[in-house]
């Protein structure tokens, strides 16, 4: 699924939910812009899978901007439509994540 998601970002077949937009604007560690999401996803990796999510399976991606800022992006992928839906975006809290990839217990 990662290659499909990255291809959709490269080909500009991405929809952002209203929730994702609010999170990007209100992020406590600073505004997140679409270009940063693009950079993080295109060079990112899947760190969690939510295969039972409806209406489409989704994943949590970890990536960094060109400036090295960590970003988590939850993306759902519609295989039928070949589109990505960005569910939410945020800068991970280092107190809650190990290397921004594993949740602390």
PDB file of N, CA and C in Angstrom:
ATOM      1  N   UNK A   1       0.820  -1.194   0.000  1.00  0.00           N
ATOM      2  CA  UNK A   1       0.000   0.000   0.000  1.00  0.00           C
ATOM      3  C   UNK A   1       0.867   1.262   0.000  1.00  0.00           C
ATOM      4  N   UNK A   2       2.060   1.205   0.578  1.00  0.00           N
ATOM      5  CA  UNK A   2       2.912   2.393   0.657  1.00  0.00           C
ATOM      6  C   UNK A   2       3.209   2.958  -0.732  1.00  0.00           C
ATOM      7  N   UNK A   3       3.573   2.102  -1.659  1.00  0.00           N
ATOM      8  CA  UNK A   3       3.890   2.576  -3.010  1.00  0.00           C
ATOM      9  C   UNK A   3       2.675   3.234  -3.656  1.00  0.00           C
ATOM     10  N   UNK A   4       1.480   2.686  -3.433  1.00  0.00           N
ATOM     11  CA  UNK A   4       0.254   3.280  -3.986  1.00  0.00           C
ATOM     12  C   UNK A   4      -0.004   4.656  -3.383  1.00  0.00           C
ATOM     13  N   UNK A   5       0.173   4.782  -2.084  1.00  0.00           N
ATOM     14  CA  UNK A   5      -0.040   6.058  -1.411  1.00  0.00           C
ATOM     15  C   UNK A   5       0.971   7.086  -1.915  1.00  0.00           C
ATOM     16  N   UNK A   6       2.222   6.699  -1.988  1.00  0.00           N
ATOM     17  CA  UNK A   6       3.247   7.633  -2.447  1.00  0.00           C
ATOM     18  C   UNK A   6       2.993   8.062  -3.893  1.00  0.00           C
ATOM     19  N   UNK A   7       2.564   7.136  -4.720  1.00  0.00           N
ATOM     20  CA  UNK A   7       2.253   7.469  -6.119  1.00  0.00           C
ATOM     21  C   UNK A   7       1.109   8.479  -6.185  1.00  0.00           C
ATOM     22  N   UNK A   8       0.094   8.294  -5.363  1.00  0.00           N
ATOM     23  CA  UNK A   8      -1.030   9.240  -5.337  1.00  0.00           C
ATOM     24  C   UNK A   8      -0.552  10.635  -4.929  1.00  0.00           C
ATOM     25  N   UNK A   9       0.346  10.711  -3.968  1.00  0.00           N
ATOM     26  CA  UNK A   9       0.879  12.014  -3.571  1.00  0.00           C
ATOM     27  C   UNK A   9       1.654  12.647  -4.721  1.00  0.00           C
ATOM     28  N   UNK A  10       2.482  11.868  -5.386  1.00  0.00           N
ATOM     29  CA  UNK A  10       3.277  12.382  -6.500  1.00  0.00           C
ATOM     30  C   UNK A  10       2.374  12.859  -7.632  1.00  0.00           C
ATOM     31  N   UNK A  11       1.280  12.144  -7.869  1.00  0.00           N
ATOM     32  CA  UNK A  11       0.366  12.486  -8.963  1.00  0.00           C
ATOM     33  C   UNK A  11      -0.783  13.387  -8.522  1.00  0.00           C
ATOM     34  N   UNK A  12      -0.718  13.912  -7.316  1.00  0.00           N
ATOM     35  CA  UNK A  12      -1.699  14.860  -6.779  1.00  0.00           C
ATOM     36  C   UNK A  12      -3.126  14.292  -6.768  1.00  0.00           C
ATOM     37  N   UNK A  13      -3.240  13.058  -6.291  1.00  0.00           N
ATOM     38  CA  UNK A  13      -4.545  12.422  -6.098  1.00  0.00           C
ATOM     39  C   UNK A  13      -4.756  12.209  -4.604  1.00  0.00           C
ATOM     40  N   UNK A  14      -4.868  13.342  -3.891  1.00  0.00           N
ATOM     41  CA  UNK A  14      -4.941  13.345  -2.435  1.00  0.00           C
ATOM     42  C   UNK A  14      -6.062  14.269  -1.987  1.00  0.00           C
ATOM     43  N   UNK A  15      -6.880  13.768  -1.068  1.00  0.00           N
ATOM     44  CA  UNK A  15      -7.925  14.582  -0.447  1.00  0.00           C
ATOM     45  C   UNK A  15      -7.622  14.701   1.039  1.00  0.00           C
ATOM     46  N   UNK A  16      -7.754  15.903   1.577  1.00  0.00           N
ATOM     47  CA  UNK A  16      -7.561  16.131   3.009  1.00  0.00           C
ATOM     48  C   UNK A  16      -8.922  16.271   3.674  1.00  0.00           C
ATOM     49  N   UNK A  17      -9.136  15.556   4.769  1.00  0.00           N
ATOM     50  CA  UNK A  17     -10.378  15.719   5.517  1.00  0.00           C
ATOM     51  C   UNK A  17     -10.343  17.069   6.246  1.00  0.00           C
ATOM     52  N   UNK A  18     -11.516  17.532   6.647  1.00  0.00           N
ATOM     53  CA  UNK A  18     -11.597  18.765   7.432  1.00  0.00           C
ATOM     54  C   UNK A  18     -10.825  18.593   8.733  1.00  0.00           C
ATOM     55  N   UNK A  19     -10.889  17.413   9.318  1.00  0.00           N
ATOM     56  CA  UNK A  19     -10.146  17.138  10.552  1.00  0.00           C
ATOM     57  C   UNK A  19      -8.640  17.307  10.322  1.00  0.00           C
ATOM     58  N   UNK A  20      -8.125  16.748   9.231  1.00  0.00           N
ATOM     59  CA  UNK A  20      -6.700  16.868   8.930  1.00  0.00           C
ATOM     60  C   UNK A  20      -6.300  18.335   8.787  1.00  0.00           C
ATOM     61  N   UNK A  21      -7.120  19.113   8.087  1.00  0.00           N
ATOM     62  CA  UNK A  21      -6.827  20.549   7.901  1.00  0.00           C
ATOM     63  C   UNK A  21      -6.788  21.276   9.252  1.00  0.00           C
ATOM     64  N   UNK A  22      -7.738  20.970  10.125  1.00  0.00           N
ATOM     65  CA  UNK A  22      -7.758  21.603  11.453  1.00  0.00           C
ATOM     66  C   UNK A  22      -6.500  21.241  12.239  1.00  0.00           C
ATOM     67  N   UNK A  23      -6.114  19.980  12.196  1.00  0.00           N
ATOM     68  CA  UNK A  23      -4.924  19.530  12.909  1.00  0.00           C
ATOM     69  C   UNK A  23      -3.669  20.207  12.364  1.00  0.00           C
ATOM     70  N   UNK A  24      -3.593  20.365  11.057  1.00  0.00           N
ATOM     71  CA  UNK A  24      -2.432  20.997  10.438  1.00  0.00           C
ATOM     72  C   UNK A  24      -2.326  22.467  10.860  1.00  0.00           C
ATOM     73  N   UNK A  25      -3.450  23.147  10.911  1.00  0.00           N
ATOM     74  CA  UNK A  25      -3.463  24.570  11.301  1.00  0.00           C
ATOM     75  C   UNK A  25      -3.215  24.756  12.791  1.00  0.00           C
ATOM     76  N   UNK A  26      -3.745  23.843  13.600  1.00  0.00           N
ATOM     77  CA  UNK A  26      -3.692  24.011  15.046  1.00  0.00           C
ATOM     78  C   UNK A  26      -2.597  23.231  15.738  1.00  0.00           C
ATOM     79  N   UNK A  27      -1.692  22.651  14.986  1.00  0.00           N
ATOM     80  CA  UNK A  27      -0.637  21.811  15.554  1.00  0.00           C
ATOM     81  C   UNK A  27       0.148  22.565  16.631  1.00  0.00           C
ATOM     82  N   UNK A  28       0.278  21.949  17.813  1.00  0.00           N
ATOM     83  CA  UNK A  28       0.940  22.608  18.946  1.00  0.00           C
ATOM     84  C   UNK A  28       2.425  22.860  18.705  1.00  0.00           C
ATOM     85  N   UNK A  29       3.060  22.111  17.815  1.00  0.00           N
ATOM     86  CA  UNK A  29       4.478  22.309  17.523  1.00  0.00           C
ATOM     87  C   UNK A  29       4.691  23.203  16.301  1.00  0.00           C
ATOM     88  N   UNK A  30       3.624  23.811  15.796  1.00  0.00           N
ATOM     89  CA  UNK A  30       3.730  24.728  14.658  1.00  0.00           C
ATOM     90  C   UNK A  30       2.949  24.244  13.457  1.00  0.00           C
ATOM     91  N   UNK A  31       2.501  25.192  12.667  1.00  0.00           N
ATOM     92  CA  UNK A  31       1.732  24.943  11.456  1.00  0.00           C
ATOM     93  C   UNK A  31       2.393  23.886  10.573  1.00  0.00           C
ATOM     94  N   UNK A  32       1.582  23.000  10.011  1.00  0.00           N
ATOM     95  CA  UNK A  32       2.049  22.012   9.034  1.00  0.00           C
ATOM     96  C   UNK A  32       1.406  22.372   7.703  1.00  0.00           C
ATOM     97  N   UNK A  33       2.203  22.493   6.661  1.00  0.00           N
ATOM     98  CA  UNK A  33       1.677  22.820   5.330  1.00  0.00           C
ATOM     99  C   UNK A  33       1.708  21.576   4.443  1.00  0.00           C
ATOM    100  N   UNK A  34       0.925  21.612   3.361  1.00  0.00           N
ATOM    101  CA  UNK A  34       0.811  20.451   2.473  1.00  0.00           C
ATOM    102  C   UNK A  34       2.157  19.984   1.949  1.00  0.00           C
ATOM    103  N   UNK A  35       3.042  20.900   1.622  1.00  0.00           N
ATOM    104  CA  UNK A  35       4.350  20.512   1.101  1.00  0.00           C
ATOM    105  C   UNK A  35       5.120  19.665   2.112  1.00  0.00           C
ATOM    106  N   UNK A  36       4.975  19.973   3.402  1.00  0.00           N
ATOM    107  CA  UNK A  36       5.639  19.169   4.434  1.00  0.00           C
ATOM    108  C   UNK A  36       5.027  17.772   4.504  1.00  0.00           C
ATOM    109  N   UNK A  37       3.718  17.690   4.376  1.00  0.00           N
ATOM    110  CA  UNK A  37       3.055  16.382   4.371  1.00  0.00           C
ATOM    111  C   UNK A  37       3.545  15.573   3.175  1.00  0.00           C
ATOM    112  N   UNK A  38       3.597  16.209   2.017  1.00  0.00           N
ATOM    113  CA  UNK A  38       4.093  15.563   0.802  1.00  0.00           C
ATOM    114  C   UNK A  38       5.499  15.000   1.039  1.00  0.00           C
ATOM    115  N   UNK A  39       6.402  15.831   1.544  1.00  0.00           N
ATOM    116  CA  UNK A  39       7.783  15.399   1.787  1.00  0.00           C
ATOM    117  C   UNK A  39       7.832  14.212   2.738  1.00  0.00           C
ATOM    118  N   UNK A  40       7.063  14.286   3.814  1.00  0.00           N
ATOM    119  CA  UNK A  40       7.073  13.222   4.820  1.00  0.00           C
ATOM    120  C   UNK A  40       6.511  11.915   4.272  1.00  0.00           C
ATOM    121  N   UNK A  41       5.455  12.003   3.472  1.00  0.00           N
ATOM    122  CA  UNK A  41       4.831  10.785   2.940  1.00  0.00           C
ATOM    123  C   UNK A  41       5.677  10.171   1.831  1.00  0.00           C
ATOM    124  N   UNK A  42       6.146  10.974   0.910  1.00  0.00           N
ATOM    125  CA  UNK A  42       6.899  10.443  -0.236  1.00  0.00           C
ATOM    126  C   UNK A  42       8.199   9.773   0.209  1.00  0.00           C
ATOM    127  N   UNK A  43       8.756  10.241   1.320  1.00  0.00           N
ATOM    128  CA  UNK A  43       9.996   9.642   1.827  1.00  0.00           C
ATOM    129  C   UNK A  43       9.766   8.869   3.125  1.00  0.00           C
ATOM    130  N   UNK A  44       8.494   8.584   3.431  1.00  0.00           N
ATOM    131  CA  UNK A  44       8.155   7.974   4.709  1.00  0.00           C
ATOM    132  C   UNK A  44       8.039   6.466   4.686  1.00  0.00           C
ATOM    133  N   UNK A  45       7.579   5.961   5.822  1.00  0.00           N
ATOM    134  CA  UNK A  45       7.396   4.520   5.983  1.00  0.00           C
ATOM    135  C   UNK A  45       6.142   4.263   6.818  1.00  0.00           C
ATOM    136  N   UNK A  46       5.555   3.103   6.600  1.00  0.00           N
ATOM    137  CA  UNK A  46       4.387   2.695   7.377  1.00  0.00           C
ATOM    138  C   UNK A  46       4.871   2.189   8.731  1.00  0.00           C
ATOM    139  N   UNK A  47       4.266   2.743   9.806  1.00  0.00           N
ATOM    140  CA  UNK A  47       4.644   2.256  11.146  1.00  0.00           C
ATOM    141  C   UNK A  47       3.484   1.545  11.840  1.00  0.00           C
ATOM    142  N   UNK A  48       2.258   1.744  11.362  1.00  0.00           N
ATOM    143  CA  UNK A  48       1.101   1.001  11.873  1.00  0.00           C
ATOM    144  C   UNK A  48       0.112   0.817  10.732  1.00  0.00           C
ATOM    145  N   UNK A  49      -0.602  -0.313  10.764  1.00  0.00           N
ATOM    146  CA  UNK A  49      -1.636  -0.593   9.759  1.00  0.00           C
ATOM    147  C   UNK A  49      -2.979  -0.755  10.444  1.00  0.00           C
ATOM    148  N   UNK A  50      -4.004  -0.190   9.830  1.00  0.00           N
ATOM    149  CA  UNK A  50      -5.374  -0.301  10.327  1.00  0.00           C
ATOM    150  C   UNK A  50      -6.225  -0.897   9.203  1.00  0.00           C
ATOM    151  N   UNK A  51      -6.023  -2.174   8.970  1.00  0.00           N
ATOM    152  CA  UNK A  51      -6.629  -2.839   7.820  1.00  0.00           C
ATOM    153  C   UNK A  51      -8.143  -2.948   7.901  1.00  0.00           C
ATOM    154  N   UNK A  52      -8.703  -2.859   9.116  1.00  0.00           N
ATOM    155  CA  UNK A  52     -10.149  -2.986   9.277  1.00  0.00           C
ATOM    156  C   UNK A  52     -10.880  -1.648   9.243  1.00  0.00           C
ATOM    157  N   UNK A  53     -10.147  -0.546   9.070  1.00  0.00           N
ATOM    158  CA  UNK A  53     -10.797   0.766   8.999  1.00  0.00           C
ATOM    159  C   UNK A  53     -11.782   0.810   7.830  1.00  0.00           C
ATOM    160  N   UNK A  54     -12.852   1.547   8.039  1.00  0.00           N
ATOM    161  CA  UNK A  54     -13.891   1.690   7.026  1.00  0.00           C
ATOM    162  C   UNK A  54     -14.071   3.161   6.688  1.00  0.00           C
ATOM    163  N   UNK A  55     -14.376   3.531   5.480  1.00  0.00           N
ATOM    164  CA  UNK A  55     -14.660   2.646   4.359  1.00  0.00           C
ATOM    165  C   UNK A  55     -13.420   2.110   3.641  1.00  0.00           C
ATOM    166  N   UNK A  56     -12.223   2.589   4.036  1.00  0.00           N
ATOM    167  CA  UNK A  56     -10.997   2.117   3.389  1.00  0.00           C
ATOM    168  C   UNK A  56      -9.958   1.773   4.450  1.00  0.00           C
ATOM    169  N   UNK A  57      -9.100   0.810   4.172  1.00  0.00           N
ATOM    170  CA  UNK A  57      -8.013   0.531   5.100  1.00  0.00           C
ATOM    171  C   UNK A  57      -7.093   1.756   5.184  1.00  0.00           C
ATOM    172  N   UNK A  58      -6.451   1.937   6.340  1.00  0.00           N
ATOM    173  CA  UNK A  58      -5.572   3.084   6.484  1.00  0.00           C
ATOM    174  C   UNK A  58      -4.276   2.669   7.157  1.00  0.00           C
ATOM    175  N   UNK A  59      -3.332   3.596   7.143  1.00  0.00           N
ATOM    176  CA  UNK A  59      -2.020   3.359   7.736  1.00  0.00           C
ATOM    177  C   UNK A  59      -1.551   4.630   8.426  1.00  0.00           C
ATOM    178  N   UNK A  60      -0.656   4.446   9.397  1.00  0.00           N
ATOM    179  CA  UNK A  60       0.038   5.561  10.013  1.00  0.00           C
ATOM    180  C   UNK A  60       1.439   5.589   9.408  1.00  0.00           C
ATOM    181  N   UNK A  61       1.770   6.718   8.793  1.00  0.00           N
ATOM    182  CA  UNK A  61       3.075   6.894   8.165  1.00  0.00           C
ATOM    183  C   UNK A  61       3.939   7.814   9.009  1.00  0.00           C
ATOM    184  N   UNK A  62       5.204   7.494   9.084  1.00  0.00           N
ATOM    185  CA  UNK A  62       6.182   8.390   9.695  1.00  0.00           C
ATOM    186  C   UNK A  62       7.139   8.836   8.610  1.00  0.00           C
ATOM    187  N   UNK A  63       7.382  10.141   8.579  1.00  0.00           N
ATOM    188  CA  UNK A  63       8.361  10.688   7.654  1.00  0.00           C
ATOM    189  C   UNK A  63       8.869  12.006   8.184  1.00  0.00           C
ATOM    190  N   UNK A  64       9.839  12.541   7.501  1.00  0.00           N
ATOM    191  CA  UNK A  64      10.419  13.826   7.884  1.00  0.00           C
ATOM    192  C   UNK A  64      10.352  14.801   6.712  1.00  0.00           C
ATOM    193  N   UNK A  65      10.246  16.071   7.061  1.00  0.00           N
ATOM    194  CA  UNK A  65      10.308  17.109   6.045  1.00  0.00           C
ATOM    195  C   UNK A  65      11.763  17.249   5.587  1.00  0.00           C
ATOM    196  N   UNK A  66      11.981  18.041   4.560  1.00  0.00           N
ATOM    197  CA  UNK A  66      13.355  18.276   4.113  1.00  0.00           C
ATOM    198  C   UNK A  66      14.193  18.934   5.204  1.00  0.00           C
ATOM    199  N   UNK A  67      13.525  19.661   6.117  1.00  0.00           N
ATOM    200  CA  UNK A  67      14.226  20.277   7.238  1.00  0.00           C
ATOM    201  C   UNK A  67      14.423  19.312   8.402  1.00  0.00           C
ATOM    202  N   UNK A  68      13.913  18.094   8.269  1.00  0.00           N
ATOM    203  CA  UNK A  68      14.091  17.082   9.301  1.00  0.00           C
ATOM    204  C   UNK A  68      13.008  17.029  10.351  1.00  0.00           C
ATOM    205  N   UNK A  69      11.923  17.805  10.174  1.00  0.00           N
ATOM    206  CA  UNK A  69      10.833  17.782  11.158  1.00  0.00           C
ATOM    207  C   UNK A  69      10.045  16.488  11.019  1.00  0.00           C
ATOM    208  N   UNK A  70       9.796  15.767  12.130  1.00  0.00           N
ATOM    209  CA  UNK A  70       9.023  14.525  12.058  1.00  0.00           C
ATOM    210  C   UNK A  70       7.533  14.823  11.875  1.00  0.00           C
ATOM    211  N   UNK A  71       6.888  13.997  11.056  1.00  0.00           N
ATOM    212  CA  UNK A  71       5.443  14.129  10.831  1.00  0.00           C
ATOM    213  C   UNK A  71       4.821  12.740  10.789  1.00  0.00           C
ATOM    214  N   UNK A  72       3.674  12.607  11.450  1.00  0.00           N
ATOM    215  CA  UNK A  72       2.838  11.415  11.339  1.00  0.00           C
ATOM    216  C   UNK A  72       1.638  11.784  10.478  1.00  0.00           C
ATOM    217  N   UNK A  73       1.302  10.908   9.559  1.00  0.00           N
ATOM    218  CA  UNK A  73       0.157  11.104   8.674  1.00  0.00           C
ATOM    219  C   UNK A  73      -0.657   9.822   8.647  1.00  0.00           C
ATOM    220  N   UNK A  74      -1.943   9.917   8.945  1.00  0.00           N
ATOM    221  CA  UNK A  74      -2.833   8.770   8.792  1.00  0.00           C
ATOM    222  C   UNK A  74      -3.515   8.925   7.445  1.00  0.00           C
ATOM    223  N   UNK A  75      -3.308   7.930   6.581  1.00  0.00           N
ATOM    224  CA  UNK A  75      -3.853   7.952   5.230  1.00  0.00           C
ATOM    225  C   UNK A  75      -4.722   6.726   5.000  1.00  0.00           C
ATOM    226  N   UNK A  76      -5.863   6.955   4.381  1.00  0.00           N
ATOM    227  CA  UNK A  76      -6.698   5.847   3.904  1.00  0.00           C
ATOM    228  C   UNK A  76      -6.512   5.793   2.395  1.00  0.00           C
ATOM    229  N   UNK A  77      -6.501   4.583   1.855  1.00  0.00           N
ATOM    230  CA  UNK A  77      -6.286   4.418   0.418  1.00  0.00           C
ATOM    231  C   UNK A  77      -7.488   3.720  -0.202  1.00  0.00           C
ATOM    232  N   UNK A  78      -8.075   4.377  -1.207  1.00  0.00           N
ATOM    233  CA  UNK A  78      -9.172   3.784  -1.969  1.00  0.00           C
ATOM    234  C   UNK A  78      -8.593   3.128  -3.218  1.00  0.00           C
ATOM    235  N   UNK A  79      -8.509   1.815  -3.171  1.00  0.00           N
ATOM    236  CA  UNK A  79      -7.960   1.079  -4.303  1.00  0.00           C
ATOM    237  C   UNK A  79      -8.842   1.238  -5.546  1.00  0.00           C
ATOM    238  N   UNK A  80     -10.165   1.244  -5.336  1.00  0.00           N
ATOM    239  CA  UNK A  80     -11.099   1.367  -6.460  1.00  0.00           C
ATOM    240  C   UNK A  80     -10.930   2.690  -7.196  1.00  0.00           C
ATOM    241  N   UNK A  81     -10.735   3.770  -6.444  1.00  0.00           N
ATOM    242  CA  UNK A  81     -10.625   5.107  -7.036  1.00  0.00           C
ATOM    243  C   UNK A  81      -9.179   5.549  -7.233  1.00  0.00           C
ATOM    244  N   UNK A  82      -8.236   4.825  -6.641  1.00  0.00           N
ATOM    245  CA  UNK A  82      -6.817   5.164  -6.684  1.00  0.00           C
ATOM    246  C   UNK A  82      -6.594   6.588  -6.167  1.00  0.00           C
ATOM    247  N   UNK A  83      -7.146   6.835  -4.963  1.00  0.00           N
ATOM    248  CA  UNK A  83      -7.024   8.121  -4.273  1.00  0.00           C
ATOM    249  C   UNK A  83      -6.599   7.875  -2.842  1.00  0.00           C
ATOM    250  N   UNK A  84      -5.937   8.869  -2.273  1.00  0.00           N
ATOM    251  CA  UNK A  84      -5.570   8.837  -0.855  1.00  0.00           C
ATOM    252  C   UNK A  84      -6.393   9.879  -0.126  1.00  0.00           C
ATOM    253  N   UNK A  85      -6.886   9.508   1.036  1.00  0.00           N
ATOM    254  CA  UNK A  85      -7.591  10.430   1.913  1.00  0.00           C
ATOM    255  C   UNK A  85      -6.712  10.620   3.142  1.00  0.00           C
ATOM    256  N   UNK A  86      -6.306  11.868   3.386  1.00  0.00           N
ATOM    257  CA  UNK A  86      -5.510  12.170   4.572  1.00  0.00           C
ATOM    258  C   UNK A  86      -6.483  12.383   5.720  1.00  0.00           C
ATOM    259  N   UNK A  87      -6.438  11.492   6.685  1.00  0.00           N
ATOM    260  CA  UNK A  87      -7.362  11.504   7.820  1.00  0.00           C
ATOM    261  C   UNK A  87      -6.893  12.490   8.883  1.00  0.00           C
ATOM    262  N   UNK A  88      -5.610  12.439   9.208  1.00  0.00           N
ATOM    263  CA  UNK A  88      -5.049  13.385  10.168  1.00  0.00           C
ATOM    264  C   UNK A  88      -3.547  13.503   9.966  1.00  0.00           C
ATOM    265  N   UNK A  89      -3.008  14.605  10.438  1.00  0.00           N
ATOM    266  CA  UNK A  89      -1.576  14.900  10.342  1.00  0.00           C
ATOM    267  C   UNK A  89      -1.167  15.593  11.636  1.00  0.00           C
ATOM    268  N   UNK A  90      -0.007  15.193  12.176  1.00  0.00           N
ATOM    269  CA  UNK A  90       0.476  15.856  13.383  1.00  0.00           C
ATOM    270  C   UNK A  90       1.968  15.617  13.545  1.00  0.00           C
ATOM    271  N   UNK A  91       2.580  16.447  14.368  1.00  0.00           N
ATOM    272  CA  UNK A  91       3.972  16.233  14.741  1.00  0.00           C
ATOM    273  C   UNK A  91       3.944  15.353  15.995  1.00  0.00           C
ATOM    274  N   UNK A  92       4.585  14.194  15.940  1.00  0.00           N
ATOM    275  CA  UNK A  92       4.532  13.277  17.084  1.00  0.00           C
ATOM    276  C   UNK A  92       5.238  13.844  18.314  1.00  0.00           C
ATOM    277  N   UNK A  93       4.626  13.611  19.458  1.00  0.00           N
ATOM    278  CA  UNK A  93       5.171  14.044  20.736  1.00  0.00           C
ATOM    279  C   UNK A  93       6.287  13.074  21.131  1.00  0.00           C
ATOM    280  N   UNK A  94       7.525  13.564  21.292  1.00  0.00           N
ATOM    281  CA  UNK A  94       8.628  12.658  21.639  1.00  0.00           C
ATOM    282  C   UNK A  94       8.446  11.960  22.983  1.00  0.00           C
ATOM    283  N   UNK A  95       7.569  12.499  23.834  1.00  0.00           N
ATOM    284  CA  UNK A  95       7.289  11.842  25.119  1.00  0.00           C
ATOM    285  C   UNK A  95       6.423  10.597  24.921  1.00  0.00           C
ATOM    286  N   UNK A  96       5.718  10.516  23.796  1.00  0.00           N
ATOM    287  CA  UNK A  96       4.804   9.397  23.548  1.00  0.00           C
ATOM    288  C   UNK A  96       5.338   8.391  22.523  1.00  0.00           C
ATOM    289  N   UNK A  97       6.463   8.728  21.871  1.00  0.00           N
ATOM    290  CA  UNK A  97       6.992   7.882  20.805  1.00  0.00           C
ATOM    291  C   UNK A  97       8.486   7.642  21.001  1.00  0.00           C
ATOM    292  N   UNK A  98       8.926   6.438  20.683  1.00  0.00           N
ATOM    293  CA  UNK A  98      10.342   6.100  20.660  1.00  0.00           C
ATOM    294  C   UNK A  98      10.800   6.250  19.220  1.00  0.00           C
ATOM    295  N   UNK A  99      11.741   7.140  18.982  1.00  0.00           N
ATOM    296  CA  UNK A  99      12.234   7.426  17.627  1.00  0.00           C
ATOM    297  C   UNK A  99      11.102   7.784  16.674  1.00  0.00           C
ATOM    298  N   UNK A 100       9.996   8.271  17.220  1.00  0.00           N
ATOM    299  CA  UNK A 100       8.805   8.654  16.461  1.00  0.00           C
ATOM    300  C   UNK A 100       8.165   7.482  15.718  1.00  0.00           C
ATOM    301  N   UNK A 101       8.595   6.248  15.994  1.00  0.00           N
ATOM    302  CA  UNK A 101       8.103   5.091  15.255  1.00  0.00           C
ATOM    303  C   UNK A 101       7.368   4.076  16.119  1.00  0.00           C
ATOM    304  N   UNK A 102       7.678   4.031  17.416  1.00  0.00           N
ATOM    305  CA  UNK A 102       7.039   3.065  18.312  1.00  0.00           C
ATOM    306  C   UNK A 102       6.430   3.782  19.488  1.00  0.00           C
ATOM    307  N   UNK A 103       5.212   3.414  19.807  1.00  0.00           N
ATOM    308  CA  UNK A 103       4.528   4.032  20.950  1.00  0.00           C
ATOM    309  C   UNK A 103       5.190   3.600  22.254  1.00  0.00           C
ATOM    310  N   UNK A 104       5.346   4.567  23.146  1.00  0.00           N
ATOM    311  CA  UNK A 104       5.855   4.227  24.469  1.00  0.00           C
ATOM    312  C   UNK A 104       4.746   3.542  25.253  1.00  0.00           C
ATOM    313  N   UNK A 105       5.094   2.627  26.097  1.00  0.00           N
ATOM    314  CA  UNK A 105       4.108   1.871  26.889  1.00  0.00           C
ATOM    315  C   UNK A 105       3.683   2.651  28.090  1.00  0.00           C
TER     316      UNK A 105
END
